[in-house]
Amino acid sequence: MNLTFYKFQGAGNDFIMIDNRELFFKNNTKLIARLCHRRFGIGADGLILLESHPDEEIDFKMVYFNADGNESTLCGNGGRCIVAFAKQLGLIEKQCRFLAIDGLHQAHFEDDLVSLSMPDVDTIKSYNSESCFLDTGSPHHIDFVQNTSAIQVKAEGSRIRNSSLYGKAGSNINFVEVQDHYIKIRTYERGVEDETLACGTGVTAAAIAAHYANKIDTEEVSVKAEGGNLAVRFSHQNGNYSNIQLIGPAEFVFKGEIKC
């Protein structure tokens, strides 16, 4: 089978996109892992299927797989990229509603950027003043550090991800440095099992955690990931975070065909 695919990236977080409205692509863990492999395949942090949805008020369905080939929880940058993909296919114009594994999401374009609604956060588990855990559609451990450049992300991230703290399921691990008007982040992603250049749910978790820990006092946070700049906007009231938006670029890279 010759597979037509599209490559998109959001702040360096890159994805294989497949138009699967005809449901020709069947979930195959080994195949997806091979397609995502950076030496033996196309190379990507994950693979995303765009599928139809029977509800006319929902524009499409998003099915996301990590680079290891396993279907996973919400991917924020992947969500923004599939919105750009849907626009390229002519399915949407300036805004949309789509279904992901965690439920409905809304998105719209802000000039050249894609703004994606994220799930509300009402629970944050603090371990100490510099470490916490929260779920922004995917689970995220946050460590506040003095200098993200000094962190051995793969080694330290793997250690925490596989520790007894999170059990077999593990967690994504984020190292966050707070500056005067923005935060810097580096992320170890489970399923990729390495550092990625950006992680949308991780960026969202870091911004909310920084506000929760009184390290940032604004409800819009600029975030510098290794692969580019993003922003998180939210409302905060009585310890609850709502109206959360992840904002950033989502860019088409190339279209190709590969024999499977």
C-alpha atoms as a PDB file:
ATOM      1  CA  MET A   1       0.000   0.000   0.000  1.00  0.00           C
ATOM      2  CA  ASN A   2       1.240   3.482  -0.871  1.00  0.00           C
ATOM      3  CA  LEU A   3       0.342   5.869   1.931  1.00  0.00           C
ATOM      4  CA  THR A   4      -0.111   9.591   1.285  1.00  0.00           C
ATOM      5  CA  PHE A   5       0.819  11.664   4.304  1.00  0.00           C
ATOM      6  CA  TYR A   6       1.337  15.267   5.341  1.00  0.00           C
ATOM      7  CA  LYS A   7       3.955  16.602   7.743  1.00  0.00           C
ATOM      8  CA  PHE A   8       3.110  19.464  10.131  1.00  0.00           C
ATOM      9  CA  GLN A   9       4.989  21.034  13.017  1.00  0.00           C
ATOM     10  CA  GLY A  10       4.076  23.322  15.889  1.00  0.00           C
ATOM     11  CA  ALA A  11       7.044  24.970  17.630  1.00  0.00           C
ATOM     12  CA  GLY A  12       9.214  22.029  16.572  1.00  0.00           C
ATOM     13  CA  ASN A  13       6.734  19.383  17.748  1.00  0.00           C
ATOM     14  CA  ASP A  14       6.285  17.434  14.495  1.00  0.00           C
ATOM     15  CA  PHE A  15       3.530  15.104  13.327  1.00  0.00           C
ATOM     16  CA  ILE A  16       2.580  12.808  10.478  1.00  0.00           C
ATOM     17  CA  MET A  17      -0.954  13.681   9.390  1.00  0.00           C
ATOM     18  CA  ILE A  18      -3.207  11.236   7.541  1.00  0.00           C
ATOM     19  CA  ASP A  19      -6.572  12.057   6.011  1.00  0.00           C
ATOM     20  CA  ASN A  20      -8.448   8.967   7.197  1.00  0.00           C
ATOM     21  CA  ARG A  21     -12.005  10.007   6.432  1.00  0.00           C
ATOM     22  CA  GLU A  22     -12.395   6.848   4.344  1.00  0.00           C
ATOM     23  CA  LEU A  23     -11.047   4.731   7.268  1.00  0.00           C
ATOM     24  CA  PHE A  24      -8.493   2.969   5.067  1.00  0.00           C
ATOM     25  CA  PHE A  25      -5.721   3.293   7.664  1.00  0.00           C
ATOM     26  CA  LYS A  26      -6.090   0.677  10.383  1.00  0.00           C
ATOM     27  CA  ASN A  27      -4.405   1.050  13.765  1.00  0.00           C
ATOM     28  CA  ASN A  28      -1.123  -0.871  13.629  1.00  0.00           C
ATOM     29  CA  THR A  29       1.330  -0.206  16.450  1.00  0.00           C
ATOM     30  CA  LYS A  30       4.403  -1.530  14.654  1.00  0.00           C
ATOM     31  CA  LEU A  31       3.611   0.339  11.439  1.00  0.00           C
ATOM     32  CA  ILE A  32       2.972   3.623  13.238  1.00  0.00           C
ATOM     33  CA  ALA A  33       6.226   3.266  15.210  1.00  0.00           C
ATOM     34  CA  ARG A  34       8.119   2.608  11.964  1.00  0.00           C
ATOM     35  CA  LEU A  35       6.550   5.598  10.227  1.00  0.00           C
ATOM     36  CA  CYS A  36       7.522   7.837  13.161  1.00  0.00           C
ATOM     37  CA  HIS A  37      11.097   6.469  13.318  1.00  0.00           C
ATOM     38  CA  ARG A  38      13.582   9.174  12.359  1.00  0.00           C
ATOM     39  CA  ARG A  39      16.001   6.810  10.604  1.00  0.00           C
ATOM     40  CA  PHE A  40      13.804   4.084   9.147  1.00  0.00           C
ATOM     41  CA  GLY A  41      10.610   6.039   8.514  1.00  0.00           C
ATOM     42  CA  ILE A  42       9.263   9.531   7.930  1.00  0.00           C
ATOM     43  CA  GLY A  43      10.230  10.764  11.382  1.00  0.00           C
ATOM     44  CA  ALA A  44       7.859  12.439  13.842  1.00  0.00           C
ATOM     45  CA  ASP A  45       6.923  12.891  17.491  1.00  0.00           C
ATOM     46  CA  GLY A  46       3.557  11.318  16.707  1.00  0.00           C
ATOM     47  CA  LEU A  47       1.025  10.308  14.066  1.00  0.00           C
ATOM     48  CA  ILE A  48      -2.464  11.791  13.806  1.00  0.00           C
ATOM     49  CA  LEU A  49      -5.501  10.531  11.925  1.00  0.00           C
ATOM     50  CA  LEU A  50      -8.165  12.999  10.798  1.00  0.00           C
ATOM     51  CA  GLU A  51     -11.498  11.181  10.620  1.00  0.00           C
ATOM     52  CA  SER A  52     -15.111  12.149   9.965  1.00  0.00           C
ATOM     53  CA  HIS A  53     -17.695  12.428  12.740  1.00  0.00           C
ATOM     54  CA  PRO A  54     -21.419  11.674  12.290  1.00  0.00           C
ATOM     55  CA  ASP A  55     -22.490  14.784  14.214  1.00  0.00           C
ATOM     56  CA  GLU A  56     -22.764  17.663  11.755  1.00  0.00           C
ATOM     57  CA  GLU A  57     -21.841  20.123  14.500  1.00  0.00           C
ATOM     58  CA  ILE A  58     -18.440  18.423  14.914  1.00  0.00           C
ATOM     59  CA  ASP A  59     -16.051  19.118  12.048  1.00  0.00           C
ATOM     60  CA  PHE A  60     -13.789  16.089  12.481  1.00  0.00           C
ATOM     61  CA  LYS A  61     -12.298  13.569  14.877  1.00  0.00           C
ATOM     62  CA  MET A  62      -8.650  13.484  15.963  1.00  0.00           C
ATOM     63  CA  VAL A  63      -6.932  10.155  16.758  1.00  0.00           C
ATOM     64  CA  TYR A  64      -3.416  10.584  18.154  1.00  0.00           C
ATOM     65  CA  PHE A  65      -0.588   8.061  18.441  1.00  0.00           C
ATOM     66  CA  ASN A  66       2.747   8.546  20.180  1.00  0.00           C
ATOM     67  CA  ALA A  67       5.959   7.769  18.319  1.00  0.00           C
ATOM     68  CA  ASP A  68       6.008   4.329  19.968  1.00  0.00           C
ATOM     69  CA  GLY A  69       2.843   3.474  18.016  1.00  0.00           C
ATOM     70  CA  ASN A  70       0.416   3.491  20.934  1.00  0.00           C
ATOM     71  CA  GLU A  71      -2.731   5.601  20.994  1.00  0.00           C
ATOM     72  CA  SER A  72      -2.295   8.263  23.638  1.00  0.00           C
ATOM     73  CA  THR A  73      -3.923  11.093  25.541  1.00  0.00           C
ATOM     74  CA  LEU A  74      -4.419  14.637  24.253  1.00  0.00           C
ATOM     75  CA  CYS A  75      -1.590  16.281  22.332  1.00  0.00           C
ATOM     76  CA  GLY A  76      -1.945  20.061  22.401  1.00  0.00           C
ATOM     77  CA  ASN A  77       0.435  20.943  19.575  1.00  0.00           C
ATOM     78  CA  GLY A  78      -0.955  18.026  17.596  1.00  0.00           C
ATOM     79  CA  GLY A  79      -4.417  19.451  18.165  1.00  0.00           C
ATOM     80  CA  ARG A  80      -3.336  22.809  16.774  1.00  0.00           C
ATOM     81  CA  CYS A  81      -1.627  21.116  13.811  1.00  0.00           C
ATOM     82  CA  ILE A  82      -4.679  19.046  12.901  1.00  0.00           C
ATOM     83  CA  VAL A  83      -6.709  22.267  12.821  1.00  0.00           C
ATOM     84  CA  ALA A  84      -4.232  23.693  10.284  1.00  0.00           C
ATOM     85  CA  PHE A  85      -4.425  20.386   8.375  1.00  0.00           C
ATOM     86  CA  ALA A  86      -8.237  20.534   8.287  1.00  0.00           C
ATOM     87  CA  LYS A  87      -8.047  24.056   6.897  1.00  0.00           C
ATOM     88  CA  GLN A  88      -5.587  22.923   4.221  1.00  0.00           C
ATOM     89  CA  LEU A  89      -7.996  20.131   3.239  1.00  0.00           C
ATOM     90  CA  GLY A  90     -10.792  22.713   2.913  1.00  0.00           C
ATOM     91  CA  LEU A  91     -12.871  21.275   5.774  1.00  0.00           C
ATOM     92  CA  ILE A  92     -12.883  24.454   7.852  1.00  0.00           C
ATOM     93  CA  GLU A  93     -12.179  28.166   7.495  1.00  0.00           C
ATOM     94  CA  LYS A  94     -11.459  30.264  10.578  1.00  0.00           C
ATOM     95  CA  GLN A  95     -12.813  28.109  13.412  1.00  0.00           C
ATOM     96  CA  CYS A  96     -13.882  24.560  14.213  1.00  0.00           C
ATOM     97  CA  ARG A  97     -15.024  21.998  16.760  1.00  0.00           C
ATOM     98  CA  PHE A  98     -13.418  18.578  16.872  1.00  0.00           C
ATOM     99  CA  LEU A  99     -13.464  15.477  19.012  1.00  0.00           C
ATOM    100  CA  ALA A 100     -10.277  14.169  20.659  1.00  0.00           C
ATOM    101  CA  ILE A 101      -9.796  11.334  23.117  1.00  0.00           C
ATOM    102  CA  ASP A 102     -10.600  13.613  26.061  1.00  0.00           C
ATOM    103  CA  GLY A 103     -13.700  15.210  24.538  1.00  0.00           C
ATOM    104  CA  LEU A 104     -14.674  18.219  22.435  1.00  0.00           C
ATOM    105  CA  HIS A 105     -12.290  21.035  21.602  1.00  0.00           C
ATOM    106  CA  GLN A 106     -12.779  24.356  19.889  1.00  0.00           C
ATOM    107  CA  ALA A 107     -10.138  26.158  17.888  1.00  0.00           C
ATOM    108  CA  HIS A 108      -9.781  29.303  15.853  1.00  0.00           C
ATOM    109  CA  PHE A 109      -7.124  31.178  13.924  1.00  0.00           C
ATOM    110  CA  GLU A 110      -5.532  34.328  15.330  1.00  0.00           C
ATOM    111  CA  ASP A 111      -3.729  35.720  12.273  1.00  0.00           C
ATOM    112  CA  ASP A 112      -1.119  33.026  11.522  1.00  0.00           C
ATOM    113  CA  LEU A 113      -1.514  31.314  14.903  1.00  0.00           C
ATOM    114  CA  VAL A 114      -3.904  28.592  16.034  1.00  0.00           C
ATOM    115  CA  SER A 115      -5.674  28.973  19.382  1.00  0.00           C
ATOM    116  CA  LEU A 116      -6.912  25.694  20.867  1.00  0.00           C
ATOM    117  CA  SER A 117      -9.250  25.255  23.832  1.00  0.00           C
ATOM    118  CA  MET A 118      -7.817  23.025  26.545  1.00  0.00           C
ATOM    119  CA  PRO A 119      -9.612  21.167  29.369  1.00  0.00           C
ATOM    120  CA  ASP A 120     -10.265  22.943  32.676  1.00  0.00           C
ATOM    121  CA  VAL A 121      -7.891  22.268  35.560  1.00  0.00           C
ATOM    122  CA  ASP A 122      -9.290  22.108  39.087  1.00  0.00           C
ATOM    123  CA  THR A 123      -6.743  19.841  40.777  1.00  0.00           C
ATOM    124  CA  ILE A 124      -3.015  20.424  41.236  1.00  0.00           C
ATOM    125  CA  LYS A 125      -0.970  18.151  43.448  1.00  0.00           C
ATOM    126  CA  SER A 126       1.931  19.969  45.126  1.00  0.00           C
ATOM    127  CA  TYR A 127       4.914  17.916  46.227  1.00  0.00           C
ATOM    128  CA  ASN A 128       6.846  20.950  47.492  1.00  0.00           C
ATOM    129  CA  SER A 129       7.338  24.593  46.509  1.00  0.00           C
ATOM    130  CA  GLU A 130       9.286  23.596  43.400  1.00  0.00           C
ATOM    131  CA  SER A 131       7.451  20.503  42.179  1.00  0.00           C
ATOM    132  CA  CYS A 132       3.859  19.550  41.341  1.00  0.00           C
ATOM    133  CA  PHE A 133       1.605  17.436  39.138  1.00  0.00           C
ATOM    134  CA  LEU A 134      -1.475  18.283  37.065  1.00  0.00           C
ATOM    135  CA  ASP A 135      -3.421  16.930  34.110  1.00  0.00           C
ATOM    136  CA  THR A 136      -4.082  19.187  31.104  1.00  0.00           C
ATOM    137  CA  GLY A 137      -5.462  16.433  28.901  1.00  0.00           C
ATOM    138  CA  SER A 138      -2.229  14.493  29.484  1.00  0.00           C
ATOM    139  CA  PRO A 139      -0.430  13.993  32.814  1.00  0.00           C
ATOM    140  CA  HIS A 140       2.430  16.379  33.594  1.00  0.00           C
ATOM    141  CA  HIS A 141       5.038  16.566  36.326  1.00  0.00           C
ATOM    142  CA  ILE A 142       6.513  20.055  36.776  1.00  0.00           C
ATOM    143  CA  ASP A 143       9.922  20.809  38.284  1.00  0.00           C
ATOM    144  CA  PHE A 144      10.842  24.484  38.643  1.00  0.00           C
ATOM    145  CA  VAL A 145      14.576  24.899  38.060  1.00  0.00           C
ATOM    146  CA  GLN A 146      17.078  27.768  37.977  1.00  0.00           C
ATOM    147  CA  ASN A 147      18.522  26.966  34.556  1.00  0.00           C
ATOM    148  CA  THR A 148      16.835  24.687  32.021  1.00  0.00           C
ATOM    149  CA  SER A 149      20.016  24.610  29.919  1.00  0.00           C
ATOM    150  CA  ALA A 150      21.830  22.743  32.689  1.00  0.00           C
ATOM    151  CA  ILE A 151      19.292  19.899  32.895  1.00  0.00           C
ATOM    152  CA  GLN A 152      20.060  16.487  31.384  1.00  0.00           C
ATOM    153  CA  VAL A 153      16.480  16.176  30.181  1.00  0.00           C
ATOM    154  CA  LYS A 154      16.545  12.654  28.804  1.00  0.00           C
ATOM    155  CA  ALA A 155      18.283  11.121  31.811  1.00  0.00           C
ATOM    156  CA  GLU A 156      16.454  13.070  34.519  1.00  0.00           C
ATOM    157  CA  GLY A 157      13.120  12.965  32.733  1.00  0.00           C
ATOM    158  CA  SER A 158      13.333   9.203  32.259  1.00  0.00           C
ATOM    159  CA  ARG A 159      14.209   8.736  35.920  1.00  0.00           C
ATOM    160  CA  ILE A 160      11.147  10.637  37.157  1.00  0.00           C
ATOM    161  CA  ARG A 161       8.833   9.232  34.466  1.00  0.00           C
ATOM    162  CA  ASN A 162       9.680   5.657  35.455  1.00  0.00           C
ATOM    163  CA  SER A 163       9.828   6.240  39.211  1.00  0.00           C
ATOM    164  CA  SER A 164       7.384   4.829  41.755  1.00  0.00           C
ATOM    165  CA  LEU A 165       5.838   8.298  41.895  1.00  0.00           C
ATOM    166  CA  TYR A 166       3.796   7.606  38.748  1.00  0.00           C
ATOM    167  CA  GLY A 167       3.761   3.824  38.440  1.00  0.00           C
ATOM    168  CA  LYS A 168       3.498   1.917  35.178  1.00  0.00           C
ATOM    169  CA  ALA A 169       1.537   4.607  33.325  1.00  0.00           C
ATOM    170  CA  GLY A 170       4.227   7.207  33.951  1.00  0.00           C
ATOM    171  CA  SER A 171       3.982  10.925  33.309  1.00  0.00           C
ATOM    172  CA  ASN A 172       5.404  13.569  31.026  1.00  0.00           C
ATOM    173  CA  ILE A 173       8.174  15.519  32.771  1.00  0.00           C
ATOM    174  CA  ASN A 174       8.716  19.273  32.429  1.00  0.00           C
ATOM    175  CA  PHE A 175      11.601  21.426  33.628  1.00  0.00           C
ATOM    176  CA  VAL A 176      10.509  25.050  33.930  1.00  0.00           C
ATOM    177  CA  GLU A 177      12.555  28.223  34.413  1.00  0.00           C
ATOM    178  CA  VAL A 178      10.626  31.374  35.355  1.00  0.00           C
ATOM    179  CA  GLN A 179      11.852  34.702  33.995  1.00  0.00           C
ATOM    180  CA  ASP A 180      10.433  38.200  34.563  1.00  0.00           C
ATOM    181  CA  HIS A 181       7.826  38.155  31.793  1.00  0.00           C
ATOM    182  CA  TYR A 182       7.875  34.598  30.469  1.00  0.00           C
ATOM    183  CA  ILE A 183       8.824  31.030  31.270  1.00  0.00           C
ATOM    184  CA  LYS A 184      11.225  28.629  29.572  1.00  0.00           C
ATOM    185  CA  ILE A 185      10.481  24.909  29.336  1.00  0.00           C
ATOM    186  CA  ARG A 186      12.091  21.649  28.334  1.00  0.00           C
ATOM    187  CA  THR A 187       9.977  18.481  28.221  1.00  0.00           C
ATOM    188  CA  TYR A 188      10.555  14.737  28.347  1.00  0.00           C
ATOM    189  CA  GLU A 189       7.582  13.029  26.687  1.00  0.00           C
ATOM    190  CA  ARG A 190       6.416   9.552  27.525  1.00  0.00           C
ATOM    191  CA  GLY A 191       5.746   7.521  24.387  1.00  0.00           C
ATOM    192  CA  VAL A 192       8.561   9.380  22.649  1.00  0.00           C
ATOM    193  CA  GLU A 193      10.827   8.533  25.615  1.00  0.00           C
ATOM    194  CA  ASP A 194      13.055  11.489  24.897  1.00  0.00           C
ATOM    195  CA  GLU A 195      13.080  15.269  24.934  1.00  0.00           C
ATOM    196  CA  THR A 196      10.833  16.933  22.363  1.00  0.00           C
ATOM    197  CA  LEU A 197      11.249  20.490  21.086  1.00  0.00           C
ATOM    198  CA  ALA A 198       7.820  21.432  22.435  1.00  0.00           C
ATOM    199  CA  CYS A 199       4.790  19.879  24.105  1.00  0.00           C
ATOM    200  CA  GLY A 200       1.466  21.711  24.059  1.00  0.00           C
ATOM    201  CA  THR A 201      -0.115  20.068  27.093  1.00  0.00           C
ATOM    202  CA  GLY A 202       3.226  20.491  28.896  1.00  0.00           C
ATOM    203  CA  VAL A 203       3.406  24.188  28.049  1.00  0.00           C
ATOM    204  CA  THR A 204      -0.164  24.565  29.306  1.00  0.00           C
ATOM    205  CA  ALA A 205       0.639  22.699  32.516  1.00  0.00           C
ATOM    206  CA  ALA A 206       3.782  24.766  33.098  1.00  0.00           C
ATOM    207  CA  ALA A 207       1.971  28.096  32.686  1.00  0.00           C
ATOM    208  CA  ILE A 208      -0.822  27.085  35.061  1.00  0.00           C
ATOM    209  CA  ALA A 209       1.626  25.621  37.584  1.00  0.00           C
ATOM    210  CA  ALA A 210       3.696  28.816  37.541  1.00  0.00           C
ATOM    211  CA  HIS A 211       0.579  30.872  38.261  1.00  0.00           C
ATOM    212  CA  TYR A 212      -0.568  28.424  40.943  1.00  0.00           C
ATOM    213  CA  ALA A 213       2.839  28.636  42.656  1.00  0.00           C
ATOM    214  CA  ASN A 214       2.708  32.471  42.583  1.00  0.00           C
ATOM    215  CA  LYS A 215       5.709  32.639  40.279  1.00  0.00           C
ATOM    216  CA  ILE A 216       3.661  34.363  37.534  1.00  0.00           C
ATOM    217  CA  ASP A 217       0.794  36.781  38.297  1.00  0.00           C
ATOM    218  CA  THR A 218      -0.755  37.243  34.846  1.00  0.00           C
ATOM    219  CA  GLU A 219      -3.473  35.170  33.172  1.00  0.00           C
ATOM    220  CA  GLU A 220      -1.623  35.092  29.868  1.00  0.00           C
ATOM    221  CA  VAL A 221       1.832  33.530  29.928  1.00  0.00           C
ATOM    222  CA  SER A 222       4.446  33.588  27.172  1.00  0.00           C
ATOM    223  CA  VAL A 223       6.407  30.349  26.963  1.00  0.00           C
ATOM    224  CA  LYS A 224       9.720  29.699  25.238  1.00  0.00           C
ATOM    225  CA  ALA A 225      10.097  26.050  24.287  1.00  0.00           C
ATOM    226  CA  GLU A 226      13.184  24.666  22.611  1.00  0.00           C
ATOM    227  CA  GLY A 227      11.426  24.706  19.224  1.00  0.00           C
ATOM    228  CA  GLY A 228       9.671  28.065  19.395  1.00  0.00           C
ATOM    229  CA  ASN A 229       7.350  30.401  21.241  1.00  0.00           C
ATOM    230  CA  LEU A 230       3.847  29.635  22.517  1.00  0.00           C
ATOM    231  CA  ALA A 231       1.358  31.324  24.816  1.00  0.00           C
ATOM    232  CA  VAL A 232      -1.245  30.152  27.314  1.00  0.00           C
ATOM    233  CA  ARG A 233      -4.298  32.204  28.233  1.00  0.00           C
ATOM    234  CA  PHE A 234      -6.696  31.280  31.047  1.00  0.00           C
ATOM    235  CA  SER A 235      -9.159  32.473  33.692  1.00  0.00           C
ATOM    236  CA  HIS A 236      -8.505  31.758  37.348  1.00  0.00           C
ATOM    237  CA  GLN A 237     -11.115  31.818  40.087  1.00  0.00           C
ATOM    238  CA  ASN A 238     -11.238  30.064  43.461  1.00  0.00           C
ATOM    239  CA  GLY A 239      -8.380  27.746  42.566  1.00  0.00           C
ATOM    240  CA  ASN A 240      -9.983  26.642  39.289  1.00  0.00           C
ATOM    241  CA  TYR A 241      -8.491  27.290  35.850  1.00  0.00           C
ATOM    242  CA  SER A 242     -10.928  27.594  32.950  1.00  0.00           C
ATOM    243  CA  ASN A 243     -11.195  29.110  29.459  1.00  0.00           C
ATOM    244  CA  ILE A 244      -7.700  27.788  28.817  1.00  0.00           C
ATOM    245  CA  GLN A 245      -6.269  28.496  25.372  1.00  0.00           C
ATOM    246  CA  LEU A 246      -3.008  27.203  23.900  1.00  0.00           C
ATOM    247  CA  ILE A 247      -1.797  29.596  21.212  1.00  0.00           C
ATOM    248  CA  GLY A 248       1.019  29.183  18.726  1.00  0.00           C
ATOM    249  CA  PRO A 249       2.128  28.341  15.188  1.00  0.00           C
ATOM    250  CA  ALA A 250       1.033  25.262  13.254  1.00  0.00           C
ATOM    251  CA  GLU A 251       2.906  24.945   9.981  1.00  0.00           C
ATOM    252  CA  PHE A 252       2.720  22.653   6.957  1.00  0.00           C
ATOM    253  CA  VAL A 253       6.138  21.148   6.172  1.00  0.00           C
ATOM    254  CA  PHE A 254       5.648  18.810   3.234  1.00  0.00           C
ATOM    255  CA  LYS A 255       3.420  16.198   1.599  1.00  0.00           C
ATOM    256  CA  GLY A 256       4.721  12.777   0.628  1.00  0.00           C
ATOM    257  CA  GLU A 257       4.036   9.153  -0.160  1.00  0.00           C
ATOM    258  CA  ILE A 258       5.560   6.088   1.457  1.00  0.00           C
ATOM    259  CA  LYS A 259       5.199   2.400   0.749  1.00  0.00           C
ATOM    260  CA  CYS A 260       3.836   0.497   3.767  1.00  0.00           C
END
